[in-house]
Amino acid sequence: MDVKELKEMELAELAEKERKLKQEMFNLRFQLATGRIENPMKIRQTRRDLARVKTIMQQKTVGGAASTGKSKG
């Protein structure tokens, strides 16, 4: 997953992507527990993709709040 693609997405799209990645993590952990996982490295990649999505969402949220014109004085 490319960071550029994530930065171009809207918050709603990122939230949907996060939901899908969480579901995929659940499925991968389930496969690992039952011994049916084909590629254990997929867990690592999915976990990192989820972290990227959450980071971009946080940046957009903080960036959006900072650009609303709130000032200290």
PDB file of N, CA and C in Angstrom:
ATOM      1  N   MET A   1       0.849  -1.174   0.000  1.00  0.00           N
ATOM      2  CA  MET A   1       0.000   0.000   0.000  1.00  0.00           C
ATOM      3  C   MET A   1       0.895   1.237   0.000  1.00  0.00           C
ATOM      4  N   ASP A   2       0.581   2.162  -0.866  1.00  0.00           N
ATOM      5  CA  ASP A   2       1.401   3.348  -1.038  1.00  0.00           C
ATOM      6  C   ASP A   2       0.852   4.496  -0.185  1.00  0.00           C
ATOM      7  N   VAL A   3       1.751   5.229   0.452  1.00  0.00           N
ATOM      8  CA  VAL A   3       1.351   6.338   1.314  1.00  0.00           C
ATOM      9  C   VAL A   3       0.699   7.453   0.494  1.00  0.00           C
ATOM     10  N   LYS A   4       1.175   7.657  -0.729  1.00  0.00           N
ATOM     11  CA  LYS A   4       0.583   8.686  -1.590  1.00  0.00           C
ATOM     12  C   LYS A   4      -0.896   8.412  -1.834  1.00  0.00           C
ATOM     13  N   GLU A   5      -1.223   7.142  -2.084  1.00  0.00           N
ATOM     14  CA  GLU A   5      -2.618   6.766  -2.311  1.00  0.00           C
ATOM     15  C   GLU A   5      -3.460   7.063  -1.077  1.00  0.00           C
ATOM     16  N   LEU A   6      -2.919   6.764   0.093  1.00  0.00           N
ATOM     17  CA  LEU A   6      -3.654   6.985   1.333  1.00  0.00           C
ATOM     18  C   LEU A   6      -3.887   8.466   1.589  1.00  0.00           C
ATOM     19  N   LYS A   7      -2.890   9.285   1.301  1.00  0.00           N
ATOM     20  CA  LYS A   7      -3.021  10.720   1.542  1.00  0.00           C
ATOM     21  C   LYS A   7      -4.063  11.362   0.628  1.00  0.00           C
ATOM     22  N   GLU A   8      -4.311  10.753  -0.530  1.00  0.00           N
ATOM     23  CA  GLU A   8      -5.289  11.284  -1.459  1.00  0.00           C
ATOM     24  C   GLU A   8      -6.713  10.889  -1.091  1.00  0.00           C
ATOM     25  N   MET A   9      -6.885   9.898  -0.218  1.00  0.00           N
ATOM     26  CA  MET A   9      -8.217   9.423   0.164  1.00  0.00           C
ATOM     27  C   MET A   9      -8.880  10.375   1.156  1.00  0.00           C
ATOM     28  N   GLU A  10     -10.202  10.363   1.159  1.00  0.00           N
ATOM     29  CA  GLU A  10     -10.988  11.133   2.120  1.00  0.00           C
ATOM     30  C   GLU A  10     -11.050  10.352   3.431  1.00  0.00           C
ATOM     31  N   LEU A  11     -11.474  11.034   4.504  1.00  0.00           N
ATOM     32  CA  LEU A  11     -11.569  10.379   5.808  1.00  0.00           C
ATOM     33  C   LEU A  11     -12.530   9.195   5.786  1.00  0.00           C
ATOM     34  N   ALA A  12     -13.633   9.305   5.086  1.00  0.00           N
ATOM     35  CA  ALA A  12     -14.600   8.207   5.019  1.00  0.00           C
ATOM     36  C   ALA A  12     -13.991   6.987   4.334  1.00  0.00           C
ATOM     37  N   GLU A  13     -13.227   7.232   3.278  1.00  0.00           N
ATOM     38  CA  GLU A  13     -12.558   6.128   2.583  1.00  0.00           C
ATOM     39  C   GLU A  13     -11.512   5.481   3.482  1.00  0.00           C
ATOM     40  N   LEU A  14     -10.787   6.304   4.227  1.00  0.00           N
ATOM     41  CA  LEU A  14      -9.779   5.774   5.141  1.00  0.00           C
ATOM     42  C   LEU A  14     -10.432   4.954   6.252  1.00  0.00           C
ATOM     43  N   ALA A  15     -11.569   5.404   6.741  1.00  0.00           N
ATOM     44  CA  ALA A  15     -12.274   4.663   7.785  1.00  0.00           C
ATOM     45  C   ALA A  15     -12.727   3.301   7.254  1.00  0.00           C
ATOM     46  N   GLU A  16     -13.185   3.265   6.027  1.00  0.00           N
ATOM     47  CA  GLU A  16     -13.588   1.994   5.412  1.00  0.00           C
ATOM     48  C   GLU A  16     -12.384   1.078   5.224  1.00  0.00           C
ATOM     49  N   LYS A  17     -11.266   1.649   4.808  1.00  0.00           N
ATOM     50  CA  LYS A  17     -10.029   0.878   4.631  1.00  0.00           C
ATOM     51  C   LYS A  17      -9.572   0.305   5.976  1.00  0.00           C
ATOM     52  N   GLU A  18      -9.679   1.117   7.031  1.00  0.00           N
ATOM     53  CA  GLU A  18      -9.310   0.662   8.373  1.00  0.00           C
ATOM     54  C   GLU A  18     -10.199  -0.509   8.799  1.00  0.00           C
ATOM     55  N   ARG A  19     -11.493  -0.399   8.534  1.00  0.00           N
ATOM     56  CA  ARG A  19     -12.415  -1.470   8.897  1.00  0.00           C
ATOM     57  C   ARG A  19     -12.064  -2.774   8.175  1.00  0.00           C
ATOM     58  N   LYS A  20     -11.739  -2.666   6.891  1.00  0.00           N
ATOM     59  CA  LYS A  20     -11.384  -3.852   6.107  1.00  0.00           C
ATOM     60  C   LYS A  20     -10.082  -4.479   6.604  1.00  0.00           C
ATOM     61  N   LEU A  21      -9.105  -3.637   6.950  1.00  0.00           N
ATOM     62  CA  LEU A  21      -7.827  -4.154   7.431  1.00  0.00           C
ATOM     63  C   LEU A  21      -7.981  -4.825   8.800  1.00  0.00           C
ATOM     64  N   LYS A  22      -8.835  -4.270   9.659  1.00  0.00           N
ATOM     65  CA  LYS A  22      -9.090  -4.910  10.955  1.00  0.00           C
ATOM     66  C   LYS A  22      -9.732  -6.279  10.760  1.00  0.00           C
ATOM     67  N   GLN A  23     -10.659  -6.364   9.821  1.00  0.00           N
ATOM     68  CA  GLN A  23     -11.301  -7.647   9.530  1.00  0.00           C
ATOM     69  C   GLN A  23     -10.282  -8.641   8.986  1.00  0.00           C
ATOM     70  N   GLU A  24      -9.397  -8.165   8.124  1.00  0.00           N
ATOM     71  CA  GLU A  24      -8.366  -9.038   7.564  1.00  0.00           C
ATOM     72  C   GLU A  24      -7.411  -9.516   8.659  1.00  0.00           C
ATOM     73  N   MET A  25      -7.063  -8.632   9.587  1.00  0.00           N
ATOM     74  CA  MET A  25      -6.203  -9.033  10.708  1.00  0.00           C
ATOM     75  C   MET A  25      -6.878 -10.124  11.538  1.00  0.00           C
ATOM     76  N   PHE A  26      -8.176  -9.967  11.790  1.00  0.00           N
ATOM     77  CA  PHE A  26      -8.911 -10.978  12.532  1.00  0.00           C
ATOM     78  C   PHE A  26      -8.832 -12.324  11.815  1.00  0.00           C
ATOM     79  N   ASN A  27      -9.085 -12.305  10.510  1.00  0.00           N
ATOM     80  CA  ASN A  27      -9.051 -13.545   9.736  1.00  0.00           C
ATOM     81  C   ASN A  27      -7.664 -14.181   9.745  1.00  0.00           C
ATOM     82  N   LEU A  28      -6.629 -13.357   9.620  1.00  0.00           N
ATOM     83  CA  LEU A  28      -5.263 -13.882   9.618  1.00  0.00           C
ATOM     84  C   LEU A  28      -4.890 -14.475  10.974  1.00  0.00           C
ATOM     85  N   ARG A  29      -5.280 -13.802  12.048  1.00  0.00           N
ATOM     86  CA  ARG A  29      -4.997 -14.349  13.383  1.00  0.00           C
ATOM     87  C   ARG A  29      -5.749 -15.658  13.607  1.00  0.00           C
ATOM     88  N   PHE A  30      -6.955 -15.734  13.094  1.00  0.00           N
ATOM     89  CA  PHE A  30      -7.744 -16.960  13.198  1.00  0.00           C
ATOM     90  C   PHE A  30      -7.060 -18.094  12.438  1.00  0.00           C
ATOM     91  N   GLN A  31      -6.598 -17.796  11.232  1.00  0.00           N
ATOM     92  CA  GLN A  31      -5.891 -18.797  10.432  1.00  0.00           C
ATOM     93  C   GLN A  31      -4.615 -19.248  11.133  1.00  0.00           C
ATOM     94  N   LEU A  32      -3.916 -18.304  11.765  1.00  0.00           N
ATOM     95  CA  LEU A  32      -2.691 -18.635  12.478  1.00  0.00           C
ATOM     96  C   LEU A  32      -2.983 -19.578  13.644  1.00  0.00           C
ATOM     97  N   ALA A  33      -4.050 -19.301  14.359  1.00  0.00           N
ATOM     98  CA  ALA A  33      -4.412 -20.122  15.515  1.00  0.00           C
ATOM     99  C   ALA A  33      -4.824 -21.530  15.099  1.00  0.00           C
ATOM    100  N   THR A  34      -5.449 -21.649  13.946  1.00  0.00           N
ATOM    101  CA  THR A  34      -5.885 -22.967  13.490  1.00  0.00           C
ATOM    102  C   THR A  34      -4.822 -23.672  12.657  1.00  0.00           C
ATOM    103  N   GLY A  35      -3.714 -22.999  12.389  1.00  0.00           N
ATOM    104  CA  GLY A  35      -2.616 -23.610  11.646  1.00  0.00           C
ATOM    105  C   GLY A  35      -2.850 -23.678  10.148  1.00  0.00           C
ATOM    106  N   ARG A  36      -3.719 -22.843   9.624  1.00  0.00           N
ATOM    107  CA  ARG A  36      -4.035 -22.885   8.196  1.00  0.00           C
ATOM    108  C   ARG A  36      -3.536 -21.680   7.426  1.00  0.00           C
ATOM    109  N   ILE A  37      -2.660 -20.909   8.015  1.00  0.00           N
ATOM    110  CA  ILE A  37      -2.173 -19.705   7.335  1.00  0.00           C
ATOM    111  C   ILE A  37      -1.133 -20.098   6.294  1.00  0.00           C
ATOM    112  N   GLU A  38      -1.268 -19.537   5.103  1.00  0.00           N
ATOM    113  CA  GLU A  38      -0.352 -19.851   4.013  1.00  0.00           C
ATOM    114  C   GLU A  38       0.886 -18.962   4.043  1.00  0.00           C
ATOM    115  N   ASN A  39       0.693 -17.689   4.387  1.00  0.00           N
ATOM    116  CA  ASN A  39       1.803 -16.741   4.364  1.00  0.00           C
ATOM    117  C   ASN A  39       1.807 -15.947   5.676  1.00  0.00           C
ATOM    118  N   PRO A  40       2.602 -16.350   6.661  1.00  0.00           N
ATOM    119  CA  PRO A  40       2.627 -15.646   7.948  1.00  0.00           C
ATOM    120  C   PRO A  40       3.094 -14.193   7.844  1.00  0.00           C
ATOM    121  N   MET A  41       3.844 -13.854   6.814  1.00  0.00           N
ATOM    122  CA  MET A  41       4.313 -12.482   6.634  1.00  0.00           C
ATOM    123  C   MET A  41       3.155 -11.541   6.296  1.00  0.00           C
ATOM    124  N   LYS A  42       2.042 -12.082   5.866  1.00  0.00           N
ATOM    125  CA  LYS A  42       0.866 -11.274   5.552  1.00  0.00           C
ATOM    126  C   LYS A  42       0.361 -10.561   6.806  1.00  0.00           C
ATOM    127  N   ILE A  43       0.525 -11.193   7.970  1.00  0.00           N
ATOM    128  CA  ILE A  43       0.111 -10.568   9.234  1.00  0.00           C
ATOM    129  C   ILE A  43       0.918  -9.294   9.460  1.00  0.00           C
ATOM    130  N   ARG A  44       2.202  -9.384   9.277  1.00  0.00           N
ATOM    131  CA  ARG A  44       3.083  -8.227   9.480  1.00  0.00           C
ATOM    132  C   ARG A  44       2.726  -7.095   8.526  1.00  0.00           C
ATOM    133  N   GLN A  45       2.532  -7.426   7.261  1.00  0.00           N
ATOM    134  CA  GLN A  45       2.209  -6.411   6.260  1.00  0.00           C
ATOM    135  C   GLN A  45       0.867  -5.752   6.550  1.00  0.00           C
ATOM    136  N   THR A  46      -0.108  -6.548   6.928  1.00  0.00           N
ATOM    137  CA  THR A  46      -1.434  -6.004   7.223  1.00  0.00           C
ATOM    138  C   THR A  46      -1.388  -5.103   8.449  1.00  0.00           C
ATOM    139  N   ARG A  47      -0.643  -5.519   9.458  1.00  0.00           N
ATOM    140  CA  ARG A  47      -0.511  -4.700  10.666  1.00  0.00           C
ATOM    141  C   ARG A  47       0.130  -3.354  10.348  1.00  0.00           C
ATOM    142  N   ARG A  48       1.118  -3.358   9.497  1.00  0.00           N
ATOM    143  CA  ARG A  48       1.782  -2.106   9.118  1.00  0.00           C
ATOM    144  C   ARG A  48       0.878  -1.229   8.255  1.00  0.00           C
ATOM    145  N   ASP A  49       0.119  -1.852   7.369  1.00  0.00           N
ATOM    146  CA  ASP A  49      -0.836  -1.091   6.550  1.00  0.00           C
ATOM    147  C   ASP A  49      -1.888  -0.425   7.433  1.00  0.00           C
ATOM    148  N   LEU A  50      -2.356  -1.151   8.439  1.00  0.00           N
ATOM    149  CA  LEU A  50      -3.334  -0.600   9.365  1.00  0.00           C
ATOM    150  C   LEU A  50      -2.747   0.594  10.120  1.00  0.00           C
ATOM    151  N   ALA A  51      -1.507   0.483  10.536  1.00  0.00           N
ATOM    152  CA  ALA A  51      -0.847   1.591  11.223  1.00  0.00           C
ATOM    153  C   ALA A  51      -0.704   2.803  10.302  1.00  0.00           C
ATOM    154  N   ARG A  52      -0.400   2.556   9.030  1.00  0.00           N
ATOM    155  CA  ARG A  52      -0.295   3.662   8.071  1.00  0.00           C
ATOM    156  C   ARG A  52      -1.633   4.385   7.916  1.00  0.00           C
ATOM    157  N   VAL A  53      -2.697   3.611   7.802  1.00  0.00           N
ATOM    158  CA  VAL A  53      -4.027   4.200   7.638  1.00  0.00           C
ATOM    159  C   VAL A  53      -4.382   5.031   8.864  1.00  0.00           C
ATOM    160  N   LYS A  54      -4.129   4.493  10.046  1.00  0.00           N
ATOM    161  CA  LYS A  54      -4.441   5.226  11.273  1.00  0.00           C
ATOM    162  C   LYS A  54      -3.613   6.502  11.383  1.00  0.00           C
ATOM    163  N   THR A  55      -2.359   6.440  10.975  1.00  0.00           N
ATOM    164  CA  THR A  55      -1.493   7.615  11.024  1.00  0.00           C
ATOM    165  C   THR A  55      -2.001   8.702  10.086  1.00  0.00           C
ATOM    166  N   ILE A  56      -2.357   8.336   8.875  1.00  0.00           N
ATOM    167  CA  ILE A  56      -2.865   9.312   7.905  1.00  0.00           C
ATOM    168  C   ILE A  56      -4.181   9.909   8.401  1.00  0.00           C
ATOM    169  N   MET A  57      -5.046   9.079   8.974  1.00  0.00           N
ATOM    170  CA  MET A  57      -6.313   9.581   9.519  1.00  0.00           C
ATOM    171  C   MET A  57      -6.056  10.604  10.625  1.00  0.00           C
ATOM    172  N   GLN A  58      -5.108  10.307  11.493  1.00  0.00           N
ATOM    173  CA  GLN A  58      -4.776  11.219  12.585  1.00  0.00           C
ATOM    174  C   GLN A  58      -4.204  12.529  12.041  1.00  0.00           C
ATOM    175  N   GLN A  59      -3.340  12.442  11.044  1.00  0.00           N
ATOM    176  CA  GLN A  59      -2.766  13.645  10.446  1.00  0.00           C
ATOM    177  C   GLN A  59      -3.842  14.509   9.810  1.00  0.00           C
ATOM    178  N   LYS A  60      -4.788  13.881   9.131  1.00  0.00           N
ATOM    179  CA  LYS A  60      -5.867  14.642   8.499  1.00  0.00           C
ATOM    180  C   LYS A  60      -6.769  15.272   9.552  1.00  0.00           C
ATOM    181  N   THR A  61      -7.027  14.563  10.645  1.00  0.00           N
ATOM    182  CA  THR A  61      -7.876  15.090  11.703  1.00  0.00           C
ATOM    183  C   THR A  61      -7.210  16.275  12.390  1.00  0.00           C
ATOM    184  N   VAL A  62      -5.960  16.141  12.752  1.00  0.00           N
ATOM    185  CA  VAL A  62      -5.231  17.225  13.406  1.00  0.00           C
ATOM    186  C   VAL A  62      -5.015  18.380  12.435  1.00  0.00           C
ATOM    187  N   GLY A  63      -4.693  18.079  11.201  1.00  0.00           N
ATOM    188  CA  GLY A  63      -4.506  19.115  10.190  1.00  0.00           C
ATOM    189  C   GLY A  63      -5.782  19.864   9.902  1.00  0.00           C
ATOM    190  N   GLY A  64      -6.905  19.174   9.916  1.00  0.00           N
ATOM    191  CA  GLY A  64      -8.199  19.806   9.673  1.00  0.00           C
ATOM    192  C   GLY A  64      -8.575  20.733  10.810  1.00  0.00           C
ATOM    193  N   ALA A  65      -8.297  20.345  12.050  1.00  0.00           N
ATOM    194  CA  ALA A  65      -8.608  21.159  13.199  1.00  0.00           C
ATOM    195  C   ALA A  65      -7.704  22.396  13.247  1.00  0.00           C
ATOM    196  N   ALA A  66      -6.455  22.239  12.820  1.00  0.00           N
ATOM    197  CA  ALA A  66      -5.522  23.353  12.853  1.00  0.00           C
ATOM    198  C   ALA A  66      -5.864  24.391  11.776  1.00  0.00           C
ATOM    199  N   SER A  67      -6.465  23.940  10.690  1.00  0.00           N
ATOM    200  CA  SER A  67      -6.750  24.870   9.593  1.00  0.00           C
ATOM    201  C   SER A  67      -8.129  25.519   9.724  1.00  0.00           C
ATOM    202  N   THR A  68      -8.857  25.290  10.819  1.00  0.00           N
ATOM    203  CA  THR A  68     -10.181  25.888  10.962  1.00  0.00           C
ATOM    204  C   THR A  68     -10.118  27.316  11.455  1.00  0.00           C
ATOM    205  N   GLY A  69      -8.931  27.807  11.775  1.00  0.00           N
ATOM    206  CA  GLY A  69      -8.787  29.190  12.162  1.00  0.00           C
ATOM    207  C   GLY A  69      -8.793  29.437  13.662  1.00  0.00           C
ATOM    208  N   LYS A  70      -8.595  28.405  14.430  1.00  0.00           N
ATOM    209  CA  LYS A  70      -8.532  28.604  15.881  1.00  0.00           C
ATOM    210  C   LYS A  70      -7.213  29.276  16.232  1.00  0.00           C
ATOM    211  N   SER A  71      -7.304  30.350  17.006  1.00  0.00           N
ATOM    212  CA  SER A  71      -6.095  31.059  17.396  1.00  0.00           C
ATOM    213  C   SER A  71      -6.029  31.202  18.906  1.00  0.00           C
ATOM    214  N   LYS A  72      -4.851  31.513  19.412  1.00  0.00           N
ATOM    215  CA  LYS A  72      -4.628  31.583  20.852  1.00  0.00           C
ATOM    216  C   LYS A  72      -4.869  32.977  21.411  1.00  0.00           C
ATOM    217  N   GLY A  73      -5.436  33.821  20.805  1.00  0.00           N
ATOM    218  CA  GLY A  73      -5.483  35.132  21.411  1.00  0.00           C
ATOM    219  C   GLY A  73      -6.646  35.874  21.096  1.00  0.00           C
TER     220      GLY A  73
END
